[in-house]
Amino acid sequence: MRPSVAAMDIRRDLVGLLPKLRRFAVTMTGDTADADELVQNVCQRGIAKIHQWSSDIRLDSWLYTIARHQWIDESRRHKMRRGSAKGGALEHGELAAQMNPVEASESHQIVISLPEGLASVFLLVDAEGHTYKQAAEILGIPQSTVATRLASARLKLATMGRSRSPRKF
């Protein structure tokens, strides 16, 4: 059986979205291996459920939403198996050791080091250019929470930048 035209189109479009999907996955998982596995699952699910996608919604937004739901489901299963939550984001040095040279840039590490929830909002709004409404829909949170988390992320990044800056004014 040949894949439908829509499935073939999403496969082509997915290739272009892989870097964005991976960055988003890393903000949720805090771990590059988990992020890669999540992206693979999202791609498989997206292709299998292409019939549920509406062209009114940006493909990347739809895939980010799938990623969020997939990560929540996997986290719940993991908690039930182990009886406790995963330890959260990796320590700064551990994360850098697992990343490739492009990802190991200082700015990437700083964004990933933001507390849970802040990195995803920052990535979606400031890096990817989604509106507050789109980010809220992707993350399944109210727009006011997006605004609050984004303000917190920006404040934390500004504070971190000031403390690391070689120039003091």
Protein backbone atom coordinates (compact mmCIF):
# COMPACT_ATOMS: atom_id res chain seq x y z
CA MET A 1 0.00 0.00 0.00
CA ARG A 2 1.39 3.39 -1.01
CA PRO A 3 1.39 6.25 1.53
CA SER A 4 -1.10 9.05 0.91
CA VAL A 5 -0.01 12.37 -0.56
CA ALA A 6 -0.58 14.04 2.82
CA ALA A 7 1.68 11.51 4.54
CA MET A 8 4.38 12.07 1.94
CA ASP A 9 4.09 15.85 2.37
CA ILE A 10 4.39 15.67 6.15
CA ARG A 11 7.46 13.47 5.83
CA ARG A 12 9.10 16.12 3.64
CA ASP A 13 8.06 18.93 5.97
CA LEU A 14 9.18 16.99 9.05
CA VAL A 15 12.75 16.95 7.81
CA GLY A 16 12.81 20.75 7.87
CA LEU A 17 11.21 20.85 11.31
CA LEU A 18 13.55 18.33 12.97
CA PRO A 19 15.95 20.92 14.44
CA LYS A 20 13.06 22.91 15.92
CA LEU A 21 11.38 19.77 17.26
CA ARG A 22 14.64 18.64 18.84
CA ARG A 23 15.25 22.00 20.52
CA PHE A 24 11.72 21.95 21.90
CA ALA A 25 12.11 18.35 23.09
CA VAL A 26 15.37 19.20 24.87
CA THR A 27 13.62 22.04 26.74
CA MET A 28 11.13 19.53 28.08
CA THR A 29 13.37 16.54 28.74
CA GLY A 30 16.61 18.23 29.76
CA ASP A 31 18.41 15.30 28.14
CA THR A 32 19.49 14.96 24.51
CA ALA A 33 18.98 11.17 24.34
CA ASP A 34 15.45 11.46 25.73
CA ALA A 35 14.81 14.36 23.37
CA ASP A 36 15.92 12.32 20.35
CA GLU A 37 13.64 9.46 21.36
CA LEU A 38 10.76 11.89 21.89
CA VAL A 39 11.29 13.47 18.46
CA GLN A 40 11.30 10.05 16.83
CA ASN A 41 8.03 9.15 18.55
CA VAL A 42 6.49 12.49 17.57
CA CYS A 43 7.44 11.99 13.92
CA GLN A 44 5.94 8.51 13.90
CA ARG A 45 2.76 9.71 15.57
CA GLY A 46 2.50 12.75 13.32
CA ILE A 47 2.75 10.63 10.18
CA ALA A 48 0.25 8.10 11.54
CA LYS A 49 -2.24 10.80 12.56
CA ILE A 50 -1.82 13.21 9.64
CA HIS A 51 -5.54 12.88 8.97
CA GLN A 52 -6.17 14.71 12.28
CA TRP A 53 -4.09 17.75 11.29
CA SER A 54 -5.97 20.79 10.03
CA SER A 55 -4.22 23.14 7.61
CA ASP A 56 -5.62 26.00 9.75
CA ILE A 57 -3.00 25.10 12.35
CA ARG A 58 0.72 25.48 11.77
CA LEU A 59 2.33 22.08 11.34
CA ASP A 60 5.07 22.89 13.84
CA SER A 61 2.48 23.93 16.44
CA TRP A 62 0.58 20.70 15.92
CA LEU A 63 3.79 18.67 16.29
CA TYR A 64 4.86 20.61 19.40
CA THR A 65 1.49 19.76 20.94
CA ILE A 66 1.97 16.09 20.09
CA ALA A 67 5.45 16.30 21.66
CA ARG A 68 4.08 17.79 24.86
CA HIS A 69 1.37 15.15 25.15
CA GLN A 70 3.84 12.37 24.36
CA TRP A 71 6.29 13.66 26.98
CA ILE A 72 3.57 13.90 29.63
CA ASP A 73 2.45 10.33 28.87
CA GLU A 74 6.02 9.01 28.96
CA SER A 75 6.76 10.86 32.20
CA ARG A 76 3.69 9.38 33.85
CA ARG A 77 4.60 5.86 32.72
CA HIS A 78 8.16 6.36 33.94
CA LYS A 79 6.97 7.61 37.34
CA MET A 80 4.67 4.65 37.75
CA ARG A 81 7.44 2.17 36.85
CA ARG A 82 10.05 3.72 39.13
CA GLY A 83 7.74 5.04 41.81
CA SER A 84 9.42 8.43 41.73
CA ALA A 85 9.97 11.30 39.34
CA LYS A 86 13.08 11.58 37.19
CA GLY A 87 15.65 13.91 38.70
CA GLY A 88 14.86 16.79 36.30
CA ALA A 89 17.33 18.65 34.14
CA LEU A 90 20.92 17.53 34.09
CA GLU A 91 23.68 19.41 35.78
CA HIS A 92 25.35 22.02 33.57
CA GLY A 93 28.48 19.93 32.98
CA GLU A 94 26.60 16.68 32.33
CA LEU A 95 24.44 18.34 29.68
CA ALA A 96 27.42 19.88 27.92
CA ALA A 97 29.19 16.52 27.80
CA GLN A 98 26.23 14.92 26.00
CA MET A 99 25.73 17.68 23.42
CA ASN A 100 27.33 18.08 20.05
CA PRO A 101 29.57 21.14 19.55
CA VAL A 102 26.83 23.26 17.98
CA GLU A 103 24.45 22.63 20.87
CA ALA A 104 27.16 23.09 23.47
CA SER A 105 27.14 26.82 22.90
CA GLU A 106 26.86 28.81 26.07
CA SER A 107 23.54 30.40 25.12
CA HIS A 108 21.95 27.01 24.44
CA GLN A 109 23.15 25.68 27.78
CA ILE A 110 21.79 28.72 29.57
CA VAL A 111 18.33 28.34 28.02
CA ILE A 112 18.25 24.63 28.84
CA SER A 113 19.25 25.40 32.43
CA LEU A 114 16.10 27.47 32.98
CA PRO A 115 13.62 25.91 35.40
CA GLU A 116 11.02 23.52 33.97
CA GLY A 117 8.36 25.31 31.96
CA LEU A 118 10.37 28.48 31.40
CA ALA A 119 12.67 27.09 28.71
CA SER A 120 9.81 25.79 26.56
CA VAL A 121 7.92 29.08 26.72
CA PHE A 122 11.06 31.07 25.96
CA LEU A 123 11.92 28.84 23.00
CA LEU A 124 8.42 28.95 21.52
CA VAL A 125 7.86 32.71 21.86
CA ASP A 126 11.27 34.34 21.66
CA ALA A 127 13.21 31.87 19.52
CA GLU A 128 10.50 30.36 17.30
CA GLY A 129 8.25 33.44 17.05
CA HIS A 130 4.98 31.90 18.20
CA THR A 131 2.35 34.20 19.64
CA TYR A 132 1.37 33.91 23.30
CA LYS A 133 -1.90 32.31 22.17
CA GLN A 134 -0.11 29.73 20.01
CA ALA A 135 2.36 28.91 22.79
CA ALA A 136 -0.52 28.55 25.26
CA GLU A 137 -2.29 26.12 22.93
CA ILE A 138 0.89 24.11 22.32
CA LEU A 139 1.70 23.85 26.02
CA GLY A 140 -1.89 23.47 27.21
CA ILE A 141 -1.69 26.42 29.60
CA PRO A 142 -3.48 29.79 29.83
CA GLN A 143 -2.04 32.78 27.96
CA SER A 144 -1.52 34.55 31.27
CA THR A 145 0.74 31.69 32.37
CA VAL A 146 2.70 32.01 29.13
CA ALA A 147 3.19 35.72 29.83
CA THR A 148 4.25 35.07 33.42
CA ARG A 149 6.67 32.28 32.51
CA LEU A 150 8.13 34.30 29.64
CA ALA A 151 8.69 37.28 31.92
CA SER A 152 10.34 35.00 34.48
CA ALA A 153 12.54 33.39 31.82
CA ARG A 154 13.61 36.76 30.44
CA LEU A 155 14.35 38.08 33.93
CA LYS A 156 16.36 34.99 34.84
CA LEU A 157 18.31 35.16 31.56
CA ALA A 158 18.99 38.87 32.05
CA THR A 159 20.21 38.21 35.59
CA MET A 160 22.40 35.35 34.40
CA GLY A 161 23.77 37.50 31.58
CA ARG A 162 24.65 40.35 33.92
CA SER A 163 26.47 38.06 36.33
CA ARG A 164 28.47 36.48 33.47
CA SER A 165 29.22 39.65 31.52
CA PRO A 166 32.90 40.65 31.46
CA ARG A 167 31.86 44.32 31.31
CA LYS A 168 30.31 46.00 34.28
CA PHE A 169 28.65 49.35 33.68
